[in-house]
Amino acid sequence: MRRRADLLRAHAQNAKRMAKVTRRKHDRDALLSIAIDWLNAAERLERSEAAAASGEPGQAIQGPVHIPPRNEARRV
């Protein structure tokens, strides 16, 4: 089973691919923004997992990681 961070990176890669073939500029910008959000969420999740594994108090993310919805670009 793939880790959640890898899955977030895969979603970001798909958003980048979609942005390359999208004609309208604001849709392209929205897709790239979503890709950045997913990459940031993946990085944050990895840092949290590393902090939790090392036992550092206060470094782990409290609560769920915000994962942007896949259809967010369509609402822009």
PDB file of N, CA and C in Angstrom:
ATOM      1  N   MET A   1       0.836  -1.186   0.000  1.00  0.00           N
ATOM      2  CA  MET A   1       0.000   0.000   0.000  1.00  0.00           C
ATOM      3  C   MET A   1       0.879   1.246   0.000  1.00  0.00           C
ATOM      4  N   ARG A   2       0.526   2.216  -0.830  1.00  0.00           N
ATOM      5  CA  ARG A   2       1.322   3.436  -0.920  1.00  0.00           C
ATOM      6  C   ARG A   2       1.062   4.339   0.266  1.00  0.00           C
ATOM      7  N   ARG A   3       2.078   5.056   0.638  1.00  0.00           N
ATOM      8  CA  ARG A   3       1.928   6.006   1.735  1.00  0.00           C
ATOM      9  C   ARG A   3       1.098   7.197   1.274  1.00  0.00           C
ATOM     10  N   ARG A   4       0.475   7.869   2.223  1.00  0.00           N
ATOM     11  CA  ARG A   4      -0.374   9.016   1.885  1.00  0.00           C
ATOM     12  C   ARG A   4       0.411  10.132   1.209  1.00  0.00           C
ATOM     13  N   ALA A   5       1.639  10.361   1.637  1.00  0.00           N
ATOM     14  CA  ALA A   5       2.445  11.421   1.026  1.00  0.00           C
ATOM     15  C   ALA A   5       2.721  11.114  -0.445  1.00  0.00           C
ATOM     16  N   ASP A   6       2.971   9.848  -0.762  1.00  0.00           N
ATOM     17  CA  ASP A   6       3.190   9.469  -2.157  1.00  0.00           C
ATOM     18  C   ASP A   6       1.924   9.673  -2.980  1.00  0.00           C
ATOM     19  N   LEU A   7       0.789   9.393  -2.385  1.00  0.00           N
ATOM     20  CA  LEU A   7      -0.478   9.591  -3.070  1.00  0.00           C
ATOM     21  C   LEU A   7      -0.723  11.079  -3.329  1.00  0.00           C
ATOM     22  N   LEU A   8      -0.392  11.927  -2.360  1.00  0.00           N
ATOM     23  CA  LEU A   8      -0.547  13.368  -2.555  1.00  0.00           C
ATOM     24  C   LEU A   8       0.355  13.863  -3.686  1.00  0.00           C
ATOM     25  N   ARG A   9       1.571  13.341  -3.754  1.00  0.00           N
ATOM     26  CA  ARG A   9       2.484  13.725  -4.839  1.00  0.00           C
ATOM     27  C   ARG A   9       1.948  13.267  -6.198  1.00  0.00           C
ATOM     28  N   ALA A  10       1.329  12.098  -6.230  1.00  0.00           N
ATOM     29  CA  ALA A  10       0.745  11.607  -7.480  1.00  0.00           C
ATOM     30  C   ALA A  10      -0.399  12.514  -7.929  1.00  0.00           C
ATOM     31  N   HIS A  11      -1.223  12.968  -6.992  1.00  0.00           N
ATOM     32  CA  HIS A  11      -2.300  13.903  -7.330  1.00  0.00           C
ATOM     33  C   HIS A  11      -1.719  15.213  -7.864  1.00  0.00           C
ATOM     34  N   ALA A  12      -0.649  15.684  -7.244  1.00  0.00           N
ATOM     35  CA  ALA A  12      -0.016  16.922  -7.701  1.00  0.00           C
ATOM     36  C   ALA A  12       0.527  16.758  -9.118  1.00  0.00           C
ATOM     37  N   GLN A  13       1.121  15.617  -9.395  1.00  0.00           N
ATOM     38  CA  GLN A  13       1.651  15.358 -10.738  1.00  0.00           C
ATOM     39  C   GLN A  13       0.524  15.336 -11.765  1.00  0.00           C
ATOM     40  N   ASN A  14      -0.607  14.742 -11.406  1.00  0.00           N
ATOM     41  CA  ASN A  14      -1.758  14.717 -12.316  1.00  0.00           C
ATOM     42  C   ASN A  14      -2.286  16.123 -12.568  1.00  0.00           C
ATOM     43  N   ALA A  15      -2.320  16.954 -11.529  1.00  0.00           N
ATOM     44  CA  ALA A  15      -2.781  18.333 -11.697  1.00  0.00           C
ATOM     45  C   ALA A  15      -1.842  19.105 -12.617  1.00  0.00           C
ATOM     46  N   LYS A  16      -0.542  18.847 -12.512  1.00  0.00           N
ATOM     47  CA  LYS A  16       0.416  19.507 -13.408  1.00  0.00           C
ATOM     48  C   LYS A  16       0.187  19.076 -14.852  1.00  0.00           C
ATOM     49  N   ARG A  17      -0.058  17.788 -15.064  1.00  0.00           N
ATOM     50  CA  ARG A  17      -0.327  17.289 -16.419  1.00  0.00           C
ATOM     51  C   ARG A  17      -1.589  17.922 -16.992  1.00  0.00           C
ATOM     52  N   MET A  18      -2.624  18.028 -16.159  1.00  0.00           N
ATOM     53  CA  MET A  18      -3.866  18.641 -16.617  1.00  0.00           C
ATOM     54  C   MET A  18      -3.648  20.114 -16.954  1.00  0.00           C
ATOM     55  N   ALA A  19      -2.800  20.794 -16.179  1.00  0.00           N
ATOM     56  CA  ALA A  19      -2.531  22.209 -16.432  1.00  0.00           C
ATOM     57  C   ALA A  19      -1.841  22.413 -17.779  1.00  0.00           C
ATOM     58  N   LYS A  20      -1.030  21.448 -18.199  1.00  0.00           N
ATOM     59  CA  LYS A  20      -0.325  21.579 -19.479  1.00  0.00           C
ATOM     60  C   LYS A  20      -1.282  21.557 -20.668  1.00  0.00           C
ATOM     61  N   VAL A  21      -2.384  20.845 -20.551  1.00  0.00           N
ATOM     62  CA  VAL A  21      -3.301  20.719 -21.682  1.00  0.00           C
ATOM     63  C   VAL A  21      -4.526  21.625 -21.559  1.00  0.00           C
ATOM     64  N   THR A  22      -4.610  22.384 -20.480  1.00  0.00           N
ATOM     65  CA  THR A  22      -5.748  23.274 -20.275  1.00  0.00           C
ATOM     66  C   THR A  22      -5.525  24.569 -21.044  1.00  0.00           C
ATOM     67  N   ARG A  23      -6.547  25.017 -21.746  1.00  0.00           N
ATOM     68  CA  ARG A  23      -6.403  26.208 -22.587  1.00  0.00           C
ATOM     69  C   ARG A  23      -6.582  27.508 -21.810  1.00  0.00           C
ATOM     70  N   ARG A  24      -7.542  27.554 -20.907  1.00  0.00           N
ATOM     71  CA  ARG A  24      -7.832  28.815 -20.223  1.00  0.00           C
ATOM     72  C   ARG A  24      -6.819  29.075 -19.114  1.00  0.00           C
ATOM     73  N   LYS A  25      -6.309  30.302 -19.085  1.00  0.00           N
ATOM     74  CA  LYS A  25      -5.229  30.649 -18.170  1.00  0.00           C
ATOM     75  C   LYS A  25      -5.651  30.524 -16.709  1.00  0.00           C
ATOM     76  N   HIS A  26      -6.838  31.000 -16.354  1.00  0.00           N
ATOM     77  CA  HIS A  26      -7.218  30.943 -14.941  1.00  0.00           C
ATOM     78  C   HIS A  26      -7.432  29.498 -14.483  1.00  0.00           C
ATOM     79  N   ASP A  27      -7.854  28.607 -15.387  1.00  0.00           N
ATOM     80  CA  ASP A  27      -7.952  27.190 -15.033  1.00  0.00           C
ATOM     81  C   ASP A  27      -6.568  26.589 -14.827  1.00  0.00           C
ATOM     82  N   ARG A  28      -5.632  26.986 -15.695  1.00  0.00           N
ATOM     83  CA  ARG A  28      -4.257  26.510 -15.568  1.00  0.00           C
ATOM     84  C   ARG A  28      -3.654  26.960 -14.236  1.00  0.00           C
ATOM     85  N   ASP A  29      -3.871  28.233 -13.906  1.00  0.00           N
ATOM     86  CA  ASP A  29      -3.352  28.765 -12.643  1.00  0.00           C
ATOM     87  C   ASP A  29      -3.977  28.059 -11.442  1.00  0.00           C
ATOM     88  N   ALA A  30      -5.268  27.765 -11.541  1.00  0.00           N
ATOM     89  CA  ALA A  30      -5.945  27.070 -10.443  1.00  0.00           C
ATOM     90  C   ALA A  30      -5.386  25.662 -10.268  1.00  0.00           C
ATOM     91  N   LEU A  31      -5.145  24.968 -11.371  1.00  0.00           N
ATOM     92  CA  LEU A  31      -4.590  23.611 -11.284  1.00  0.00           C
ATOM     93  C   LEU A  31      -3.185  23.627 -10.693  1.00  0.00           C
ATOM     94  N   LEU A  32      -2.375  24.593 -11.091  1.00  0.00           N
ATOM     95  CA  LEU A  32      -1.024  24.684 -10.535  1.00  0.00           C
ATOM     96  C   LEU A  32      -1.065  25.036  -9.052  1.00  0.00           C
ATOM     97  N   SER A  33      -2.014  25.868  -8.664  1.00  0.00           N
ATOM     98  CA  SER A  33      -2.177  26.206  -7.250  1.00  0.00           C
ATOM     99  C   SER A  33      -2.562  24.973  -6.435  1.00  0.00           C
ATOM    100  N   ILE A  34      -3.440  24.159  -6.988  1.00  0.00           N
ATOM    101  CA  ILE A  34      -3.845  22.925  -6.314  1.00  0.00           C
ATOM    102  C   ILE A  34      -2.661  21.976  -6.202  1.00  0.00           C
ATOM    103  N   ALA A  35      -1.855  21.887  -7.263  1.00  0.00           N
ATOM    104  CA  ALA A  35      -0.670  21.022  -7.227  1.00  0.00           C
ATOM    105  C   ALA A  35       0.282  21.464  -6.122  1.00  0.00           C
ATOM    106  N   ILE A  36       0.470  22.767  -5.977  1.00  0.00           N
ATOM    107  CA  ILE A  36       1.341  23.284  -4.915  1.00  0.00           C
ATOM    108  C   ILE A  36       0.765  22.942  -3.548  1.00  0.00           C
ATOM    109  N   ASP A  37      -0.555  23.077  -3.395  1.00  0.00           N
ATOM    110  CA  ASP A  37      -1.190  22.727  -2.118  1.00  0.00           C
ATOM    111  C   ASP A  37      -0.959  21.261  -1.777  1.00  0.00           C
ATOM    112  N   TRP A  38      -1.086  20.384  -2.763  1.00  0.00           N
ATOM    113  CA  TRP A  38      -0.879  18.955  -2.516  1.00  0.00           C
ATOM    114  C   TRP A  38       0.567  18.653  -2.153  1.00  0.00           C
ATOM    115  N   LEU A  39       1.510  19.313  -2.839  1.00  0.00           N
ATOM    116  CA  LEU A  39       2.922  19.101  -2.511  1.00  0.00           C
ATOM    117  C   LEU A  39       3.240  19.600  -1.102  1.00  0.00           C
ATOM    118  N   ASN A  40       2.659  20.741  -0.730  1.00  0.00           N
ATOM    119  CA  ASN A  40       2.862  21.255   0.628  1.00  0.00           C
ATOM    120  C   ASN A  40       2.264  20.318   1.670  1.00  0.00           C
ATOM    121  N   ALA A  41       1.090  19.769   1.376  1.00  0.00           N
ATOM    122  CA  ALA A  41       0.463  18.830   2.310  1.00  0.00           C
ATOM    123  C   ALA A  41       1.310  17.567   2.456  1.00  0.00           C
ATOM    124  N   ALA A  42       1.895  17.100   1.353  1.00  0.00           N
ATOM    125  CA  ALA A  42       2.751  15.907   1.406  1.00  0.00           C
ATOM    126  C   ALA A  42       3.997  16.175   2.249  1.00  0.00           C
ATOM    127  N   GLU A  43       4.600  17.342   2.055  1.00  0.00           N
ATOM    128  CA  GLU A  43       5.795  17.691   2.830  1.00  0.00           C
ATOM    129  C   GLU A  43       5.464  17.820   4.319  1.00  0.00           C
ATOM    130  N   ARG A  44       4.342  18.451   4.603  1.00  0.00           N
ATOM    131  CA  ARG A  44       3.917  18.623   5.995  1.00  0.00           C
ATOM    132  C   ARG A  44       3.630  17.273   6.656  1.00  0.00           C
ATOM    133  N   LEU A  45       3.008  16.378   5.906  1.00  0.00           N
ATOM    134  CA  LEU A  45       2.706  15.049   6.418  1.00  0.00           C
ATOM    135  C   LEU A  45       3.986  14.272   6.703  1.00  0.00           C
ATOM    136  N   GLU A  46       4.956  14.355   5.797  1.00  0.00           N
ATOM    137  CA  GLU A  46       6.227  13.659   6.020  1.00  0.00           C
ATOM    138  C   GLU A  46       6.957  14.204   7.244  1.00  0.00           C
ATOM    139  N   ARG A  47       6.948  15.536   7.402  1.00  0.00           N
ATOM    140  CA  ARG A  47       7.595  16.116   8.588  1.00  0.00           C
ATOM    141  C   ARG A  47       6.907  15.654   9.863  1.00  0.00           C
ATOM    142  N   SER A  48       5.584  15.565   9.815  1.00  0.00           N
ATOM    143  CA  SER A  48       4.834  15.118  10.978  1.00  0.00           C
ATOM    144  C   SER A  48       5.147  13.666  11.308  1.00  0.00           C
ATOM    145  N   GLU A  49       5.206  12.821  10.265  1.00  0.00           N
ATOM    146  CA  GLU A  49       5.522  11.406  10.495  1.00  0.00           C
ATOM    147  C   GLU A  49       6.927  11.243  11.056  1.00  0.00           C
ATOM    148  N   ALA A  50       7.873  12.036  10.547  1.00  0.00           N
ATOM    149  CA  ALA A  50       9.250  11.962  11.041  1.00  0.00           C
ATOM    150  C   ALA A  50       9.327  12.423  12.492  1.00  0.00           C
ATOM    151  N   ALA A  51       8.591  13.476  12.824  1.00  0.00           N
ATOM    152  CA  ALA A  51       8.594  13.976  14.196  1.00  0.00           C
ATOM    153  C   ALA A  51       7.933  12.979  15.138  1.00  0.00           C
ATOM    154  N   ALA A  52       6.856  12.358  14.689  1.00  0.00           N
ATOM    155  CA  ALA A  52       6.172  11.372  15.522  1.00  0.00           C
ATOM    156  C   ALA A  52       7.056  10.145  15.733  1.00  0.00           C
ATOM    157  N   ALA A  53       7.808   9.763  14.702  1.00  0.00           N
ATOM    158  CA  ALA A  53       8.685   8.599  14.817  1.00  0.00           C
ATOM    159  C   ALA A  53       9.860   8.874  15.751  1.00  0.00           C
ATOM    160  N   SER A  54      10.343  10.120  15.755  1.00  0.00           N
ATOM    161  CA  SER A  54      11.479  10.454  16.616  1.00  0.00           C
ATOM    162  C   SER A  54      11.033  10.756  18.042  1.00  0.00           C
ATOM    163  N   GLY A  55       9.743  10.941  18.237  1.00  0.00           N
ATOM    164  CA  GLY A  55       9.221  11.179  19.579  1.00  0.00           C
ATOM    165  C   GLY A  55       9.324  12.616  20.041  1.00  0.00           C
ATOM    166  N   GLU A  56       9.529  13.551  19.116  1.00  0.00           N
ATOM    167  CA  GLU A  56       9.606  14.960  19.492  1.00  0.00           C
ATOM    168  C   GLU A  56       8.205  15.463  19.828  1.00  0.00           C
ATOM    169  N   PRO A  57       8.006  15.948  21.040  1.00  0.00           N
ATOM    170  CA  PRO A  57       6.675  16.446  21.396  1.00  0.00           C
ATOM    171  C   PRO A  57       6.391  17.779  20.705  1.00  0.00           C
ATOM    172  N   GLY A  58       5.168  17.965  20.286  1.00  0.00           N
ATOM    173  CA  GLY A  58       4.747  19.217  19.687  1.00  0.00           C
ATOM    174  C   GLY A  58       5.068  19.361  18.214  1.00  0.00           C
ATOM    175  N   GLN A  59       5.825  18.461  17.627  1.00  0.00           N
ATOM    176  CA  GLN A  59       6.181  18.574  16.218  1.00  0.00           C
ATOM    177  C   GLN A  59       5.204  17.834  15.311  1.00  0.00           C
ATOM    178  N   ALA A  60       4.504  16.863  15.854  1.00  0.00           N
ATOM    179  CA  ALA A  60       3.557  16.104  15.043  1.00  0.00           C
ATOM    180  C   ALA A  60       2.315  16.950  14.785  1.00  0.00           C
ATOM    181  N   ILE A  61       1.708  16.752  13.637  1.00  0.00           N
ATOM    182  CA  ILE A  61       0.498  17.484  13.286  1.00  0.00           C
ATOM    183  C   ILE A  61      -0.637  16.996  14.170  1.00  0.00           C
ATOM    184  N   GLN A  62      -1.334  17.934  14.753  1.00  0.00           N
ATOM    185  CA  GLN A  62      -2.494  17.598  15.561  1.00  0.00           C
ATOM    186  C   GLN A  62      -3.721  17.671  14.658  1.00  0.00           C
ATOM    187  N   GLY A  63      -4.408  16.574  14.501  1.00  0.00           N
ATOM    188  CA  GLY A  63      -5.592  16.544  13.658  1.00  0.00           C
ATOM    189  C   GLY A  63      -5.249  16.161  12.229  1.00  0.00           C
ATOM    190  N   PRO A  64      -6.250  16.160  11.356  1.00  0.00           N
ATOM    191  CA  PRO A  64      -6.033  15.707   9.982  1.00  0.00           C
ATOM    192  C   PRO A  64      -5.294  16.745   9.138  1.00  0.00           C
ATOM    193  N   VAL A  65      -4.613  16.276   8.120  1.00  0.00           N
ATOM    194  CA  VAL A  65      -3.953  17.153   7.157  1.00  0.00           C
ATOM    195  C   VAL A  65      -4.990  17.573   6.132  1.00  0.00           C
ATOM    196  N   HIS A  66      -5.024  18.876   5.817  1.00  0.00           N
ATOM    197  CA  HIS A  66      -5.984  19.350   4.814  1.00  0.00           C
ATOM    198  C   HIS A  66      -5.533  18.898   3.436  1.00  0.00           C
ATOM    199  N   ILE A  67      -6.383  18.133   2.770  1.00  0.00           N
ATOM    200  CA  ILE A  67      -6.117  17.690   1.407  1.00  0.00           C
ATOM    201  C   ILE A  67      -7.155  18.365   0.517  1.00  0.00           C
ATOM    202  N   PRO A  68      -6.705  19.194  -0.427  1.00  0.00           N
ATOM    203  CA  PRO A  68      -7.662  19.905  -1.272  1.00  0.00           C
ATOM    204  C   PRO A  68      -8.504  18.939  -2.094  1.00  0.00           C
ATOM    205  N   PRO A  69      -9.779  19.266  -2.315  1.00  0.00           N
ATOM    206  CA  PRO A  69     -10.617  18.395  -3.132  1.00  0.00           C
ATOM    207  C   PRO A  69     -10.137  18.382  -4.575  1.00  0.00           C
ATOM    208  N   ARG A  70     -10.325  17.257  -5.257  1.00  0.00           N
ATOM    209  CA  ARG A  70      -9.828  17.107  -6.627  1.00  0.00           C
ATOM    210  C   ARG A  70     -10.572  18.005  -7.603  1.00  0.00           C
ATOM    211  N   ASN A  71     -11.821  18.323  -7.333  1.00  0.00           N
ATOM    212  CA  ASN A  71     -12.601  19.103  -8.290  1.00  0.00           C
ATOM    213  C   ASN A  71     -12.570  20.595  -7.984  1.00  0.00           C
ATOM    214  N   GLU A  72     -11.611  21.043  -7.197  1.00  0.00           N
ATOM    215  CA  GLU A  72     -11.539  22.451  -6.828  1.00  0.00           C
ATOM    216  C   GLU A  72     -11.321  23.347  -8.048  1.00  0.00           C
ATOM    217  N   ALA A  73     -10.587  22.887  -9.038  1.00  0.00           N
ATOM    218  CA  ALA A  73     -10.303  23.699 -10.223  1.00  0.00           C
ATOM    219  C   ALA A  73     -11.574  23.982 -11.018  1.00  0.00           C
ATOM    220  N   ARG A  74     -12.520  23.093 -10.976  1.00  0.00           N
ATOM    221  CA  ARG A  74     -13.756  23.294 -11.734  1.00  0.00           C
ATOM    222  C   ARG A  74     -14.622  24.385 -11.124  1.00  0.00           C
ATOM    223  N   ARG A  75     -14.425  24.673  -9.840  1.00  0.00           N
ATOM    224  CA  ARG A  75     -15.236  25.683  -9.171  1.00  0.00           C
ATOM    225  C   ARG A  75     -14.670  27.082  -9.332  1.00  0.00           C
ATOM    226  N   VAL A  76     -13.492  27.202  -9.914  1.00  0.00           N
ATOM    227  CA  VAL A  76     -12.853  28.519 -10.046  1.00  0.00           C
ATOM    228  C   VAL A  76     -13.485  29.277 -11.183  1.00  0.00           C
TER     229      VAL A  76
END
